[in-house]
Amino acid sequence: MEEESRRILSLIHSLNQPDKRALRQAVDALISAAPRFPHLARELERSLGDKPGAESWPVAYVLAHISSPSSLCLRVLGETLGAADPDIRWAVAMLLVSLAKQDAGIVGLLFDLLKSGAPIQRRMALYCLRDTEAEERAILQALLACLRDPDPLVRVAAVNSLKNRADIGRDGLDRLLDVFLRDADLRVRRATALVLAHLAAPTGEIRAALEDASASRDPHLKKAADAALALLQKKGPAHS
C-alpha cells in the first residue's frame, strides 16, 4: 500500500509536466485509482489551492472527474477554456458539458464567461452552452446576443451554434439575415449563408440575399452563397 501511495504522489507531480502523452496517462491513472484512495480528492484540492491558475488545469480536470467540483476547481476549468492549445480547451469543454447536465451552476459559469471572458473563452462557452441540456430559451437568447460580439470568431461560433435551432423564429432569422447582409467580417457572412439556408424556407428575402452574394467578387463568399442556394434548392418549394 505504501508503494502504491508513492506512485499516486508521483502521478500527482506528473500533472505538472508538458509532455501531453505522459500527462494524459497520469490523468487517466489518477481517475482510475481514485476509488482506492479516498483522500486523493483532498490532496488534489490542496495542490490546486497552492497553484490555482489555468496552468493547473490537469489537477482541476482530475478533481472534476472524481468528486463534486469546488468553486475553485470550476474557476480553473473556466479559465482553461481560453487555453492556446485547442486539445486542452476542447477536453475541458467536453467535461464541462457533461458536468452541466447534473449541475446547473456550471451553466451559470458559462453564462458568466460570455459576459466577462476573453474571446476564446466566450467562443468555447458558446459551444458548451449549445451542447448542454440547460433551459433552451435562455441559451437561444444568449446565442442571438452573441451575434453582436465584438470578436468576429465569437460571432462565427454564435452563428454555427444556431444551425440546429428550429425554434429560432422569425425574429431570429431576421437577425441572422441582418448579420449576413451587414457584418464587416467575411468569415461571419460565409458561415451565416449556410446556416440561413439550413434554417430558412427556400423563398423570400433570404434567397434574394444569397443570390446577390452569389455574384460577389469574393470567391469564398460566392462559394458559400452558392452552397447555400444549392441547399435551398434541395428543400424544394416553400409550403404556404
C-alpha atoms as a PDB file:
ATOM      1  CA  MET A   1       0.000   0.000   0.000  1.00  0.00           C
ATOM      2  CA  GLU A   2       2.888   2.342   0.812  1.00  0.00           C
ATOM      3  CA  GLU A   3       4.367   1.698  -2.618  1.00  0.00           C
ATOM      4  CA  GLU A   4       1.025   2.447  -4.228  1.00  0.00           C
ATOM      5  CA  SER A   5       0.765   5.680  -2.239  1.00  0.00           C
ATOM      6  CA  ARG A   6       4.180   6.755  -3.513  1.00  0.00           C
ATOM      7  CA  ARG A   7       3.007   6.003  -7.033  1.00  0.00           C
ATOM      8  CA  ILE A   8      -0.043   8.222  -6.534  1.00  0.00           C
ATOM      9  CA  LEU A   9       2.158  11.073  -5.303  1.00  0.00           C
ATOM     10  CA  SER A  10       4.384  10.602  -8.327  1.00  0.00           C
ATOM     11  CA  LEU A  11       1.361  10.767 -10.609  1.00  0.00           C
ATOM     12  CA  ILE A  12       0.193  13.986  -8.935  1.00  0.00           C
ATOM     13  CA  HIS A  13       3.620  15.512  -9.552  1.00  0.00           C
ATOM     14  CA  SER A  14       3.400  14.310 -13.159  1.00  0.00           C
ATOM     15  CA  LEU A  15       0.402  16.579 -13.692  1.00  0.00           C
ATOM     16  CA  ASN A  16       2.845  19.480 -13.990  1.00  0.00           C
ATOM     17  CA  GLN A  17       4.774  18.114 -16.963  1.00  0.00           C
ATOM     18  CA  PRO A  18       4.490  19.490 -20.527  1.00  0.00           C
ATOM     19  CA  ASP A  19       4.519  16.142 -22.376  1.00  0.00           C
ATOM     20  CA  LYS A  20       0.892  15.669 -23.459  1.00  0.00           C
ATOM     21  CA  ARG A  21       1.007  11.897 -23.822  1.00  0.00           C
ATOM     22  CA  ALA A  22       2.558  11.351 -20.397  1.00  0.00           C
ATOM     23  CA  LEU A  23       0.149  13.887 -18.919  1.00  0.00           C
ATOM     24  CA  ARG A  24      -2.825  12.025 -20.386  1.00  0.00           C
ATOM     25  CA  GLN A  25      -1.524   8.780 -18.897  1.00  0.00           C
ATOM     26  CA  ALA A  26      -1.145  10.381 -15.462  1.00  0.00           C
ATOM     27  CA  VAL A  27      -4.649  11.864 -15.624  1.00  0.00           C
ATOM     28  CA  ASP A  28      -6.205   8.536 -16.615  1.00  0.00           C
ATOM     29  CA  ALA A  29      -4.255   6.644 -13.939  1.00  0.00           C
ATOM     30  CA  LEU A  30      -5.361   9.024 -11.191  1.00  0.00           C
ATOM     31  CA  ILE A  31      -9.011   8.888 -12.231  1.00  0.00           C
ATOM     32  CA  SER A  32      -8.862   5.087 -12.242  1.00  0.00           C
ATOM     33  CA  ALA A  33      -7.114   4.953  -8.860  1.00  0.00           C
ATOM     34  CA  ALA A  34      -9.487   7.367  -7.101  1.00  0.00           C
ATOM     35  CA  PRO A  35     -11.893   4.725  -5.701  1.00  0.00           C
ATOM     36  CA  ARG A  36      -8.986   3.070  -3.865  1.00  0.00           C
ATOM     37  CA  PHE A  37      -7.699   6.350  -2.407  1.00  0.00           C
ATOM     38  CA  PRO A  38     -10.499   8.296  -0.698  1.00  0.00           C
ATOM     39  CA  HIS A  39      -8.081  11.088   0.267  1.00  0.00           C
ATOM     40  CA  LEU A  40      -6.959  11.732  -3.326  1.00  0.00           C
ATOM     41  CA  ALA A  41      -9.506  14.494  -3.909  1.00  0.00           C
ATOM     42  CA  ARG A  42      -8.355  16.294  -0.764  1.00  0.00           C
ATOM     43  CA  GLU A  43      -4.711  16.081  -1.871  1.00  0.00           C
ATOM     44  CA  LEU A  44      -5.563  17.409  -5.299  1.00  0.00           C
ATOM     45  CA  GLU A  45      -7.668  20.231  -3.867  1.00  0.00           C
ATOM     46  CA  ARG A  46      -4.737  21.225  -1.681  1.00  0.00           C
ATOM     47  CA  SER A  47      -2.446  21.161  -4.705  1.00  0.00           C
ATOM     48  CA  LEU A  48      -4.891  23.308  -6.645  1.00  0.00           C
ATOM     49  CA  GLY A  49      -5.090  25.807  -3.794  1.00  0.00           C
ATOM     50  CA  ASP A  50      -1.302  26.150  -3.777  1.00  0.00           C
ATOM     51  CA  LYS A  51      -1.250  26.939  -7.502  1.00  0.00           C
ATOM     52  CA  PRO A  52      -4.749  27.922  -8.667  1.00  0.00           C
ATOM     53  CA  GLY A  53      -4.009  29.324 -12.140  1.00  0.00           C
ATOM     54  CA  ALA A  54      -5.045  27.929 -15.507  1.00  0.00           C
ATOM     55  CA  GLU A  55      -1.717  26.069 -15.750  1.00  0.00           C
ATOM     56  CA  SER A  56      -3.071  23.743 -13.050  1.00  0.00           C
ATOM     57  CA  TRP A  57      -5.917  22.592 -15.280  1.00  0.00           C
ATOM     58  CA  PRO A  58      -4.848  18.872 -15.129  1.00  0.00           C
ATOM     59  CA  VAL A  59      -5.398  18.901 -11.368  1.00  0.00           C
ATOM     60  CA  ALA A  60      -8.808  20.508 -11.785  1.00  0.00           C
ATOM     61  CA  TYR A  61      -9.637  18.098 -14.596  1.00  0.00           C
ATOM     62  CA  VAL A  62      -8.965  15.049 -12.416  1.00  0.00           C
ATOM     63  CA  LEU A  63     -10.797  16.590  -9.460  1.00  0.00           C
ATOM     64  CA  ALA A  64     -13.925  17.221 -11.524  1.00  0.00           C
ATOM     65  CA  HIS A  65     -13.936  13.561 -12.561  1.00  0.00           C
ATOM     66  CA  ILE A  66     -13.576  12.085  -9.086  1.00  0.00           C
ATOM     67  CA  SER A  67     -15.562  14.471  -6.856  1.00  0.00           C
ATOM     68  CA  SER A  68     -18.103  17.246  -6.920  1.00  0.00           C
ATOM     69  CA  PRO A  69     -16.010  20.166  -8.223  1.00  0.00           C
ATOM     70  CA  SER A  70     -15.394  23.068  -5.873  1.00  0.00           C
ATOM     71  CA  SER A  71     -15.799  26.695  -6.923  1.00  0.00           C
ATOM     72  CA  LEU A  72     -12.004  26.922  -7.251  1.00  0.00           C
ATOM     73  CA  CYS A  73     -11.922  23.832  -9.464  1.00  0.00           C
ATOM     74  CA  LEU A  74     -14.638  25.261 -11.721  1.00  0.00           C
ATOM     75  CA  ARG A  75     -12.884  28.617 -11.887  1.00  0.00           C
ATOM     76  CA  VAL A  76      -9.702  26.956 -13.131  1.00  0.00           C
ATOM     77  CA  LEU A  77     -11.641  24.935 -15.706  1.00  0.00           C
ATOM     78  CA  GLY A  78     -13.362  28.102 -16.891  1.00  0.00           C
ATOM     79  CA  GLU A  79     -10.007  29.842 -17.277  1.00  0.00           C
ATOM     80  CA  THR A  80      -8.735  26.839 -19.226  1.00  0.00           C
ATOM     81  CA  LEU A  81     -11.412  27.367 -21.879  1.00  0.00           C
ATOM     82  CA  GLY A  82      -9.101  30.159 -23.001  1.00  0.00           C
ATOM     83  CA  ALA A  83      -6.072  27.879 -23.392  1.00  0.00           C
ATOM     84  CA  ALA A  84      -3.971  28.353 -26.518  1.00  0.00           C
ATOM     85  CA  ASP A  85      -3.873  24.592 -27.111  1.00  0.00           C
ATOM     86  CA  PRO A  86      -7.155  23.531 -28.766  1.00  0.00           C
ATOM     87  CA  ASP A  87      -6.814  19.941 -27.497  1.00  0.00           C
ATOM     88  CA  ILE A  88      -6.788  21.207 -23.924  1.00  0.00           C
ATOM     89  CA  ARG A  89      -9.698  23.582 -24.253  1.00  0.00           C
ATOM     90  CA  TRP A  90     -11.876  21.039 -26.071  1.00  0.00           C
ATOM     91  CA  ALA A  91     -11.128  18.377 -23.453  1.00  0.00           C
ATOM     92  CA  VAL A  92     -12.244  20.811 -20.758  1.00  0.00           C
ATOM     93  CA  ALA A  93     -15.268  21.875 -22.809  1.00  0.00           C
ATOM     94  CA  MET A  94     -16.461  18.277 -23.129  1.00  0.00           C
ATOM     95  CA  LEU A  95     -16.021  17.796 -19.390  1.00  0.00           C
ATOM     96  CA  LEU A  96     -17.999  20.951 -18.572  1.00  0.00           C
ATOM     97  CA  VAL A  97     -20.823  19.913 -20.894  1.00  0.00           C
ATOM     98  CA  SER A  98     -21.010  16.549 -19.142  1.00  0.00           C
ATOM     99  CA  LEU A  99     -20.973  18.141 -15.689  1.00  0.00           C
ATOM    100  CA  ALA A 100     -23.555  20.776 -16.658  1.00  0.00           C
ATOM    101  CA  LYS A 101     -26.153  18.060 -17.177  1.00  0.00           C
ATOM    102  CA  GLN A 102     -26.074  17.418 -13.421  1.00  0.00           C
ATOM    103  CA  ASP A 103     -25.001  20.810 -12.052  1.00  0.00           C
ATOM    104  CA  ALA A 104     -26.915  23.932 -13.078  1.00  0.00           C
ATOM    105  CA  GLY A 105     -24.178  26.069 -11.503  1.00  0.00           C
ATOM    106  CA  ILE A 106     -21.884  25.200 -14.382  1.00  0.00           C
ATOM    107  CA  VAL A 107     -24.367  26.695 -16.831  1.00  0.00           C
ATOM    108  CA  GLY A 108     -24.171  29.875 -14.753  1.00  0.00           C
ATOM    109  CA  LEU A 109     -20.375  29.799 -15.065  1.00  0.00           C
ATOM    110  CA  LEU A 110     -20.689  29.548 -18.857  1.00  0.00           C
ATOM    111  CA  PHE A 111     -23.087  32.491 -18.997  1.00  0.00           C
ATOM    112  CA  ASP A 112     -20.665  34.499 -16.848  1.00  0.00           C
ATOM    113  CA  LEU A 113     -17.850  33.717 -19.292  1.00  0.00           C
ATOM    114  CA  LEU A 114     -19.958  35.106 -22.134  1.00  0.00           C
ATOM    115  CA  LYS A 115     -20.046  38.419 -20.270  1.00  0.00           C
ATOM    116  CA  SER A 116     -16.519  38.659 -18.909  1.00  0.00           C
ATOM    117  CA  GLY A 117     -14.298  36.065 -20.604  1.00  0.00           C
ATOM    118  CA  ALA A 118     -11.611  36.603 -23.200  1.00  0.00           C
ATOM    119  CA  PRO A 119     -12.629  35.980 -26.842  1.00  0.00           C
ATOM    120  CA  ILE A 120     -11.532  32.334 -26.857  1.00  0.00           C
ATOM    121  CA  GLN A 121     -13.369  31.713 -23.578  1.00  0.00           C
ATOM    122  CA  ARG A 122     -16.524  33.313 -24.956  1.00  0.00           C
ATOM    123  CA  ARG A 123     -16.279  31.182 -28.083  1.00  0.00           C
ATOM    124  CA  MET A 124     -15.847  27.962 -26.128  1.00  0.00           C
ATOM    125  CA  ALA A 125     -18.601  28.909 -23.671  1.00  0.00           C
ATOM    126  CA  LEU A 126     -20.966  29.241 -26.635  1.00  0.00           C
ATOM    127  CA  TYR A 127     -20.143  25.761 -27.860  1.00  0.00           C
ATOM    128  CA  CYS A 128     -20.566  24.375 -24.346  1.00  0.00           C
ATOM    129  CA  LEU A 129     -23.958  26.044 -23.907  1.00  0.00           C
ATOM    130  CA  ARG A 130     -25.048  24.758 -27.322  1.00  0.00           C
ATOM    131  CA  ASP A 131     -24.363  21.191 -26.190  1.00  0.00           C
ATOM    132  CA  THR A 132     -25.850  21.296 -22.692  1.00  0.00           C
ATOM    133  CA  GLU A 133     -29.374  20.320 -21.757  1.00  0.00           C
ATOM    134  CA  ALA A 134     -29.997  23.547 -19.893  1.00  0.00           C
ATOM    135  CA  GLU A 135     -33.032  25.837 -20.284  1.00  0.00           C
ATOM    136  CA  GLU A 136     -33.309  26.166 -24.036  1.00  0.00           C
ATOM    137  CA  ARG A 137     -34.827  29.629 -24.313  1.00  0.00           C
ATOM    138  CA  ALA A 138     -32.058  31.261 -22.282  1.00  0.00           C
ATOM    139  CA  ILE A 139     -29.409  29.598 -24.445  1.00  0.00           C
ATOM    140  CA  LEU A 140     -31.129  30.697 -27.659  1.00  0.00           C
ATOM    141  CA  GLN A 141     -31.200  34.281 -26.429  1.00  0.00           C
ATOM    142  CA  ALA A 142     -27.514  34.089 -25.500  1.00  0.00           C
ATOM    143  CA  LEU A 143     -26.607  32.765 -28.948  1.00  0.00           C
ATOM    144  CA  LEU A 144     -28.553  35.549 -30.638  1.00  0.00           C
ATOM    145  CA  ALA A 145     -26.995  38.196 -28.403  1.00  0.00           C
ATOM    146  CA  CYS A 146     -23.506  36.974 -29.318  1.00  0.00           C
ATOM    147  CA  LEU A 147     -24.194  37.749 -32.973  1.00  0.00           C
ATOM    148  CA  ARG A 148     -23.137  41.275 -31.896  1.00  0.00           C
ATOM    149  CA  ASP A 149     -19.979  40.225 -30.072  1.00  0.00           C
ATOM    150  CA  PRO A 150     -17.012  42.497 -30.926  1.00  0.00           C
ATOM    151  CA  ASP A 151     -14.835  39.495 -31.822  1.00  0.00           C
ATOM    152  CA  PRO A 152     -15.610  38.035 -35.271  1.00  0.00           C
ATOM    153  CA  LEU A 153     -14.719  34.458 -34.312  1.00  0.00           C
ATOM    154  CA  VAL A 154     -17.153  34.628 -31.411  1.00  0.00           C
ATOM    155  CA  ARG A 155     -19.788  35.762 -33.901  1.00  0.00           C
ATOM    156  CA  VAL A 156     -18.884  32.789 -36.135  1.00  0.00           C
ATOM    157  CA  ALA A 157     -19.310  30.476 -33.126  1.00  0.00           C
ATOM    158  CA  ALA A 158     -22.705  32.028 -32.375  1.00  0.00           C
ATOM    159  CA  VAL A 159     -23.829  31.582 -35.982  1.00  0.00           C
ATOM    160  CA  ASN A 160     -22.657  27.961 -36.146  1.00  0.00           C
ATOM    161  CA  SER A 161     -24.296  27.192 -32.800  1.00  0.00           C
ATOM    162  CA  LEU A 162     -27.648  28.347 -34.185  1.00  0.00           C
ATOM    163  CA  LYS A 163     -27.584  25.868 -37.054  1.00  0.00           C
ATOM    164  CA  ASN A 164     -29.911  23.310 -35.485  1.00  0.00           C
ATOM    165  CA  ARG A 165     -32.176  25.744 -33.633  1.00  0.00           C
ATOM    166  CA  ALA A 166     -35.517  25.012 -35.257  1.00  0.00           C
ATOM    167  CA  ASP A 167     -37.041  27.271 -32.574  1.00  0.00           C
ATOM    168  CA  ILE A 168     -35.156  30.344 -33.801  1.00  0.00           C
ATOM    169  CA  GLY A 169     -38.357  32.013 -35.012  1.00  0.00           C
ATOM    170  CA  ARG A 170     -38.871  34.842 -37.460  1.00  0.00           C
ATOM    171  CA  ASP A 171     -37.074  37.376 -35.286  1.00  0.00           C
ATOM    172  CA  GLY A 172     -34.011  35.137 -35.048  1.00  0.00           C
ATOM    173  CA  LEU A 173     -33.933  34.605 -38.803  1.00  0.00           C
ATOM    174  CA  ASP A 174     -34.195  38.341 -39.344  1.00  0.00           C
ATOM    175  CA  ARG A 175     -31.229  38.882 -37.053  1.00  0.00           C
ATOM    176  CA  LEU A 176     -29.221  36.267 -38.919  1.00  0.00           C
ATOM    177  CA  LEU A 177     -30.140  37.882 -42.224  1.00  0.00           C
ATOM    178  CA  ASP A 178     -29.003  41.249 -40.901  1.00  0.00           C
ATOM    179  CA  VAL A 179     -25.667  39.680 -39.928  1.00  0.00           C
ATOM    180  CA  PHE A 180     -25.333  38.164 -43.388  1.00  0.00           C
ATOM    181  CA  LEU A 181     -26.028  41.476 -45.092  1.00  0.00           C
ATOM    182  CA  ARG A 182     -24.076  43.821 -42.837  1.00  0.00           C
ATOM    183  CA  ASP A 183     -21.353  42.075 -40.840  1.00  0.00           C
ATOM    184  CA  ALA A 184     -17.953  43.595 -41.576  1.00  0.00           C
ATOM    185  CA  ASP A 185     -16.146  40.242 -41.440  1.00  0.00           C
ATOM    186  CA  LEU A 186     -16.490  37.926 -44.430  1.00  0.00           C
ATOM    187  CA  ARG A 187     -15.876  34.847 -42.258  1.00  0.00           C
ATOM    188  CA  VAL A 188     -19.038  35.654 -40.350  1.00  0.00           C
ATOM    189  CA  ARG A 189     -21.021  36.247 -43.546  1.00  0.00           C
ATOM    190  CA  ARG A 190     -19.824  32.965 -45.074  1.00  0.00           C
ATOM    191  CA  ALA A 191     -20.848  30.976 -42.001  1.00  0.00           C
ATOM    192  CA  THR A 192     -24.204  32.751 -41.884  1.00  0.00           C
ATOM    193  CA  ALA A 193     -25.012  31.897 -45.511  1.00  0.00           C
ATOM    194  CA  LEU A 194     -25.080  28.175 -44.826  1.00  0.00           C
ATOM    195  CA  VAL A 195     -26.912  28.487 -41.511  1.00  0.00           C
ATOM    196  CA  LEU A 196     -29.614  30.653 -43.096  1.00  0.00           C
ATOM    197  CA  ALA A 197     -30.140  28.064 -45.821  1.00  0.00           C
ATOM    198  CA  HIS A 198     -30.302  25.292 -43.234  1.00  0.00           C
ATOM    199  CA  LEU A 199     -32.938  27.090 -41.156  1.00  0.00           C
ATOM    200  CA  ALA A 200     -34.993  29.076 -43.645  1.00  0.00           C
ATOM    201  CA  ALA A 201     -37.719  28.302 -46.142  1.00  0.00           C
ATOM    202  CA  PRO A 202     -36.478  28.428 -49.759  1.00  0.00           C
ATOM    203  CA  THR A 203     -38.106  31.746 -50.600  1.00  0.00           C
ATOM    204  CA  GLY A 204     -38.204  35.483 -49.877  1.00  0.00           C
ATOM    205  CA  GLU A 205     -35.562  37.870 -48.642  1.00  0.00           C
ATOM    206  CA  ILE A 206     -33.083  35.197 -47.656  1.00  0.00           C
ATOM    207  CA  ARG A 207     -32.997  33.649 -51.115  1.00  0.00           C
ATOM    208  CA  ALA A 208     -32.642  37.105 -52.684  1.00  0.00           C
ATOM    209  CA  ALA A 209     -29.751  37.988 -50.368  1.00  0.00           C
ATOM    210  CA  LEU A 210     -27.988  34.718 -51.179  1.00  0.00           C
ATOM    211  CA  GLU A 211     -28.491  35.264 -54.907  1.00  0.00           C
ATOM    212  CA  ASP A 212     -26.910  38.716 -54.610  1.00  0.00           C
ATOM    213  CA  ALA A 213     -23.966  37.235 -52.686  1.00  0.00           C
ATOM    214  CA  SER A 214     -23.565  34.571 -55.356  1.00  0.00           C
ATOM    215  CA  ALA A 215     -22.403  37.386 -57.659  1.00  0.00           C
ATOM    216  CA  SER A 216     -19.810  38.581 -55.129  1.00  0.00           C
ATOM    217  CA  ARG A 217     -16.247  39.245 -56.238  1.00  0.00           C
ATOM    218  CA  ASP A 218     -15.039  37.486 -53.109  1.00  0.00           C
ATOM    219  CA  PRO A 219     -14.616  33.846 -54.183  1.00  0.00           C
ATOM    220  CA  HIS A 220     -15.131  32.474 -50.677  1.00  0.00           C
ATOM    221  CA  LEU A 221     -18.387  34.368 -50.111  1.00  0.00           C
ATOM    222  CA  LYS A 222     -19.576  33.364 -53.586  1.00  0.00           C
ATOM    223  CA  LYS A 223     -18.787  29.712 -52.825  1.00  0.00           C
ATOM    224  CA  ALA A 224     -20.693  29.858 -49.530  1.00  0.00           C
ATOM    225  CA  ALA A 225     -23.676  31.556 -51.173  1.00  0.00           C
ATOM    226  CA  ASP A 226     -23.739  29.003 -53.997  1.00  0.00           C
ATOM    227  CA  ALA A 227     -23.642  26.147 -51.479  1.00  0.00           C
ATOM    228  CA  ALA A 228     -26.472  27.765 -49.517  1.00  0.00           C
ATOM    229  CA  LEU A 229     -28.584  28.204 -52.649  1.00  0.00           C
ATOM    230  CA  ALA A 230     -27.986  24.559 -53.561  1.00  0.00           C
ATOM    231  CA  LEU A 231     -29.225  23.562 -50.115  1.00  0.00           C
ATOM    232  CA  LEU A 232     -32.355  25.681 -50.544  1.00  0.00           C
ATOM    233  CA  GLN A 233     -32.916  24.071 -53.923  1.00  0.00           C
ATOM    234  CA  LYS A 234     -32.878  20.619 -52.332  1.00  0.00           C
ATOM    235  CA  LYS A 235     -35.581  21.705 -49.916  1.00  0.00           C
ATOM    236  CA  GLY A 236     -37.939  22.250 -52.826  1.00  0.00           C
ATOM    237  CA  PRO A 237     -40.680  24.880 -52.985  1.00  0.00           C
ATOM    238  CA  ALA A 238     -41.769  26.560 -49.757  1.00  0.00           C
ATOM    239  CA  HIS A 239     -45.061  25.438 -48.218  1.00  0.00           C
ATOM    240  CA  SER A 240     -47.667  28.083 -47.647  1.00  0.00           C
END
